[in-house]
Amino acid sequence: MLTLRELPAQVSELASQILQLRGEMRAEFSGVRQEIRAGDELTRNDLRTEMRSLHEETLTQMRILHEDVIGRIALLQEGRVNRRKPRR
């Protein structure tokens, strides 16, 4: 069993261990936060790249559809012009 005389030394030892633990935890949490930031940045970059790609694909599809619509309108107008010509 411990004597009261040994108690201050053990409390001091425990306080020292707690301070060491706090320092180690601070360093580890800092490292984890840095890893999370790096992962977040990679995710943001990947999303930006994918969004640009999708945007370009959408623009390409829009151009194709626009050209298709213009072509169909031209065909419809040709049909109207051909119908209006008088028959002889």
N, C-alpha and C. Protein backbone atom coordinates (compact mmCIF):
# COMPACT_ATOMS: atom_id res chain seq x y z
N MET A 1 0.84 -1.18 0.00
CA MET A 1 0.00 0.00 0.00
C MET A 1 0.88 1.24 0.00
N LEU A 2 0.40 2.30 -0.66
CA LEU A 2 1.16 3.52 -0.80
C LEU A 2 1.12 4.32 0.49
N THR A 3 2.19 4.97 0.72
CA THR A 3 2.20 5.89 1.86
C THR A 3 1.89 7.28 1.34
N LEU A 4 1.50 8.13 2.21
CA LEU A 4 1.15 9.50 1.82
C LEU A 4 2.37 10.23 1.28
N ARG A 5 3.55 9.85 1.72
CA ARG A 5 4.76 10.50 1.24
C ARG A 5 5.01 10.20 -0.25
N GLU A 6 4.61 9.05 -0.73
CA GLU A 6 4.81 8.68 -2.12
C GLU A 6 3.77 9.31 -3.05
N LEU A 7 2.66 9.75 -2.49
CA LEU A 7 1.56 10.27 -3.28
C LEU A 7 1.95 11.50 -4.12
N PRO A 8 2.62 12.52 -3.61
CA PRO A 8 2.97 13.68 -4.44
C PRO A 8 3.85 13.30 -5.64
N ALA A 9 4.76 12.39 -5.47
CA ALA A 9 5.62 11.97 -6.57
C ALA A 9 4.80 11.26 -7.65
N GLN A 10 3.86 10.44 -7.22
CA GLN A 10 3.02 9.73 -8.19
C GLN A 10 2.06 10.68 -8.90
N VAL A 11 1.54 11.67 -8.18
CA VAL A 11 0.68 12.67 -8.81
C VAL A 11 1.50 13.46 -9.84
N SER A 12 2.71 13.80 -9.49
CA SER A 12 3.59 14.52 -10.40
C SER A 12 3.89 13.67 -11.63
N GLU A 13 4.15 12.40 -11.42
CA GLU A 13 4.40 11.46 -12.52
C GLU A 13 3.16 11.37 -13.43
N LEU A 14 2.00 11.27 -12.83
CA LEU A 14 0.75 11.19 -13.59
C LEU A 14 0.52 12.48 -14.39
N ALA A 15 0.77 13.62 -13.78
CA ALA A 15 0.63 14.90 -14.47
C ALA A 15 1.58 14.96 -15.67
N SER A 16 2.77 14.47 -15.50
CA SER A 16 3.75 14.44 -16.58
C SER A 16 3.27 13.55 -17.72
N GLN A 17 2.71 12.40 -17.37
CA GLN A 17 2.20 11.48 -18.40
C GLN A 17 1.01 12.09 -19.14
N ILE A 18 0.16 12.81 -18.41
CA ILE A 18 -0.99 13.46 -19.03
C ILE A 18 -0.51 14.53 -20.01
N LEU A 19 0.49 15.32 -19.62
CA LEU A 19 1.03 16.34 -20.51
C LEU A 19 1.64 15.72 -21.77
N GLN A 20 2.34 14.61 -21.58
CA GLN A 20 2.93 13.91 -22.73
C GLN A 20 1.82 13.40 -23.65
N LEU A 21 0.78 12.81 -23.06
CA LEU A 21 -0.35 12.31 -23.83
C LEU A 21 -1.02 13.43 -24.62
N ARG A 22 -1.21 14.57 -23.97
CA ARG A 22 -1.83 15.72 -24.64
C ARG A 22 -0.99 16.16 -25.84
N GLY A 23 0.32 16.20 -25.66
CA GLY A 23 1.20 16.59 -26.76
C GLY A 23 1.12 15.62 -27.92
N GLU A 24 1.12 14.33 -27.60
CA GLU A 24 1.03 13.31 -28.65
C GLU A 24 -0.31 13.38 -29.37
N MET A 25 -1.38 13.58 -28.60
CA MET A 25 -2.71 13.66 -29.20
C MET A 25 -2.82 14.90 -30.10
N ARG A 26 -2.27 16.00 -29.64
CA ARG A 26 -2.31 17.23 -30.44
C ARG A 26 -1.60 17.01 -31.77
N ALA A 27 -0.44 16.37 -31.72
CA ALA A 27 0.32 16.11 -32.95
C ALA A 27 -0.44 15.16 -33.87
N GLU A 28 -1.04 14.13 -33.32
CA GLU A 28 -1.79 13.17 -34.13
C GLU A 28 -3.03 13.81 -34.75
N PHE A 29 -3.77 14.59 -33.96
CA PHE A 29 -4.95 15.26 -34.49
C PHE A 29 -4.56 16.25 -35.58
N SER A 30 -3.44 16.91 -35.41
CA SER A 30 -2.96 17.84 -36.43
C SER A 30 -2.65 17.09 -37.72
N GLY A 31 -2.02 15.94 -37.58
CA GLY A 31 -1.72 15.11 -38.75
C GLY A 31 -2.98 14.63 -39.45
N VAL A 32 -3.96 14.22 -38.66
CA VAL A 32 -5.23 13.77 -39.24
C VAL A 32 -5.92 14.92 -39.98
N ARG A 33 -5.91 16.10 -39.38
CA ARG A 33 -6.52 17.27 -40.04
C ARG A 33 -5.82 17.57 -41.36
N GLN A 34 -4.50 17.45 -41.39
CA GLN A 34 -3.76 17.70 -42.64
C GLN A 34 -4.13 16.66 -43.70
N GLU A 35 -4.26 15.41 -43.29
CA GLU A 35 -4.65 14.37 -44.24
C GLU A 35 -6.06 14.62 -44.78
N ILE A 36 -6.95 15.04 -43.92
CA ILE A 36 -8.32 15.34 -44.34
C ILE A 36 -8.32 16.50 -45.32
N ARG A 37 -7.55 17.56 -45.02
CA ARG A 37 -7.48 18.70 -45.94
C ARG A 37 -6.94 18.27 -47.30
N ALA A 38 -5.91 17.44 -47.28
CA ALA A 38 -5.33 16.97 -48.54
C ALA A 38 -6.36 16.14 -49.31
N GLY A 39 -7.07 15.28 -48.63
CA GLY A 39 -8.11 14.48 -49.27
C GLY A 39 -9.23 15.35 -49.81
N ASP A 40 -9.61 16.37 -49.04
CA ASP A 40 -10.65 17.29 -49.50
C ASP A 40 -10.21 18.02 -50.75
N GLU A 41 -8.96 18.43 -50.79
CA GLU A 41 -8.45 19.14 -51.97
C GLU A 41 -8.44 18.23 -53.19
N LEU A 42 -8.05 16.97 -53.00
CA LEU A 42 -8.08 16.02 -54.11
C LEU A 42 -9.50 15.81 -54.61
N THR A 43 -10.43 15.69 -53.67
CA THR A 43 -11.84 15.51 -54.03
C THR A 43 -12.35 16.72 -54.80
N ARG A 44 -12.02 17.93 -54.32
CA ARG A 44 -12.44 19.15 -55.02
C ARG A 44 -11.87 19.19 -56.44
N ASN A 45 -10.59 18.86 -56.58
CA ASN A 45 -9.97 18.86 -57.91
C ASN A 45 -10.62 17.84 -58.83
N ASP A 46 -10.90 16.65 -58.30
CA ASP A 46 -11.56 15.62 -59.10
C ASP A 46 -12.94 16.08 -59.54
N LEU A 47 -13.68 16.69 -58.61
CA LEU A 47 -15.02 17.17 -58.95
C LEU A 47 -14.98 18.29 -59.98
N ARG A 48 -14.03 19.19 -59.83
CA ARG A 48 -13.89 20.27 -60.83
C ARG A 48 -13.62 19.70 -62.21
N THR A 49 -12.70 18.74 -62.27
CA THR A 49 -12.35 18.12 -63.55
C THR A 49 -13.56 17.42 -64.15
N GLU A 50 -14.29 16.69 -63.34
CA GLU A 50 -15.46 15.97 -63.83
C GLU A 50 -16.55 16.95 -64.27
N MET A 51 -16.74 18.01 -63.51
CA MET A 51 -17.76 19.00 -63.88
C MET A 51 -17.41 19.69 -65.20
N ARG A 52 -16.13 20.02 -65.39
CA ARG A 52 -15.71 20.62 -66.67
C ARG A 52 -15.98 19.67 -67.82
N SER A 53 -15.65 18.41 -67.61
CA SER A 53 -15.86 17.41 -68.65
C SER A 53 -17.34 17.28 -68.99
N LEU A 54 -18.18 17.20 -67.96
CA LEU A 54 -19.62 17.09 -68.18
C LEU A 54 -20.16 18.35 -68.86
N HIS A 55 -19.64 19.49 -68.47
CA HIS A 55 -20.07 20.75 -69.09
C HIS A 55 -19.74 20.74 -70.57
N GLU A 56 -18.53 20.31 -70.91
CA GLU A 56 -18.13 20.25 -72.32
C GLU A 56 -18.99 19.26 -73.09
N GLU A 57 -19.29 18.11 -72.48
CA GLU A 57 -20.15 17.12 -73.13
C GLU A 57 -21.53 17.70 -73.37
N THR A 58 -22.06 18.42 -72.38
CA THR A 58 -23.38 19.04 -72.51
C THR A 58 -23.39 20.06 -73.63
N LEU A 59 -22.35 20.89 -73.70
CA LEU A 59 -22.27 21.88 -74.77
C LEU A 59 -22.22 21.20 -76.14
N THR A 60 -21.46 20.13 -76.24
CA THR A 60 -21.37 19.39 -77.51
C THR A 60 -22.74 18.85 -77.90
N GLN A 61 -23.45 18.24 -76.96
CA GLN A 61 -24.78 17.70 -77.24
C GLN A 61 -25.75 18.82 -77.62
N MET A 62 -25.64 19.96 -76.94
CA MET A 62 -26.51 21.09 -77.27
C MET A 62 -26.26 21.58 -78.69
N ARG A 63 -24.99 21.64 -79.09
CA ARG A 63 -24.66 22.07 -80.45
C ARG A 63 -25.23 21.10 -81.49
N ILE A 64 -25.08 19.82 -81.21
CA ILE A 64 -25.61 18.80 -82.12
C ILE A 64 -27.12 18.92 -82.25
N LEU A 65 -27.80 19.05 -81.11
CA LEU A 65 -29.25 19.19 -81.14
C LEU A 65 -29.66 20.48 -81.86
N HIS A 66 -28.93 21.54 -81.63
CA HIS A 66 -29.23 22.81 -82.29
C HIS A 66 -29.11 22.66 -83.81
N GLU A 67 -28.03 22.04 -84.25
CA GLU A 67 -27.84 21.84 -85.68
C GLU A 67 -28.94 20.95 -86.25
N ASP A 68 -29.35 19.93 -85.50
CA ASP A 68 -30.43 19.05 -85.93
C ASP A 68 -31.73 19.84 -86.08
N VAL A 69 -32.04 20.67 -85.11
CA VAL A 69 -33.26 21.48 -85.16
C VAL A 69 -33.21 22.43 -86.35
N ILE A 70 -32.09 23.08 -86.57
CA ILE A 70 -31.94 23.99 -87.70
C ILE A 70 -32.16 23.22 -89.02
N GLY A 71 -31.60 22.04 -89.11
CA GLY A 71 -31.78 21.20 -90.31
C GLY A 71 -33.24 20.82 -90.51
N ARG A 72 -33.92 20.45 -89.45
CA ARG A 72 -35.34 20.08 -89.55
C ARG A 72 -36.19 21.28 -89.95
N ILE A 73 -35.89 22.44 -89.38
CA ILE A 73 -36.62 23.65 -89.75
C ILE A 73 -36.42 23.95 -91.23
N ALA A 74 -35.19 23.80 -91.69
CA ALA A 74 -34.91 24.04 -93.11
C ALA A 74 -35.71 23.07 -93.97
N LEU A 75 -35.79 21.81 -93.58
CA LEU A 75 -36.58 20.83 -94.35
C LEU A 75 -38.05 21.20 -94.36
N LEU A 76 -38.57 21.63 -93.22
CA LEU A 76 -39.97 22.04 -93.15
C LEU A 76 -40.23 23.24 -94.05
N GLN A 77 -39.31 24.18 -94.06
CA GLN A 77 -39.48 25.36 -94.90
C GLN A 77 -39.41 24.98 -96.38
N GLU A 78 -38.56 24.04 -96.73
CA GLU A 78 -38.49 23.57 -98.12
C GLU A 78 -39.82 22.95 -98.52
N GLY A 79 -40.40 22.19 -97.61
CA GLY A 79 -41.69 21.57 -97.89
C GLY A 79 -42.76 22.61 -98.12
N ARG A 80 -42.76 23.67 -97.37
CA ARG A 80 -43.74 24.73 -97.54
C ARG A 80 -43.53 25.45 -98.87
N VAL A 81 -42.28 25.72 -99.21
CA VAL A 81 -41.98 26.41 -100.47
C VAL A 81 -42.41 25.55 -101.64
N ASN A 82 -42.14 24.25 -101.58
CA ASN A 82 -42.52 23.35 -102.66
C ASN A 82 -44.03 23.26 -102.80
N ARG A 83 -44.79 23.35 -101.76
CA ARG A 83 -46.26 23.28 -101.80
C ARG A 83 -46.85 24.55 -102.39
N ARG A 84 -46.20 25.66 -102.19
CA ARG A 84 -46.72 26.95 -102.65
C ARG A 84 -46.53 27.17 -104.15
N LYS A 85 -45.63 26.44 -104.74
CA LYS A 85 -45.39 26.63 -106.17
C LYS A 85 -46.65 26.20 -106.94
N PRO A 86 -47.08 27.05 -107.83
CA PRO A 86 -48.27 26.69 -108.60
C PRO A 86 -47.98 25.56 -109.57
N ARG A 87 -48.98 24.74 -109.75
CA ARG A 87 -48.83 23.61 -110.67
C ARG A 87 -49.27 24.04 -112.05
N ARG A 88 -48.59 23.64 -113.03
CA ARG A 88 -48.95 24.03 -114.42
C ARG A 88 -49.39 22.87 -115.21
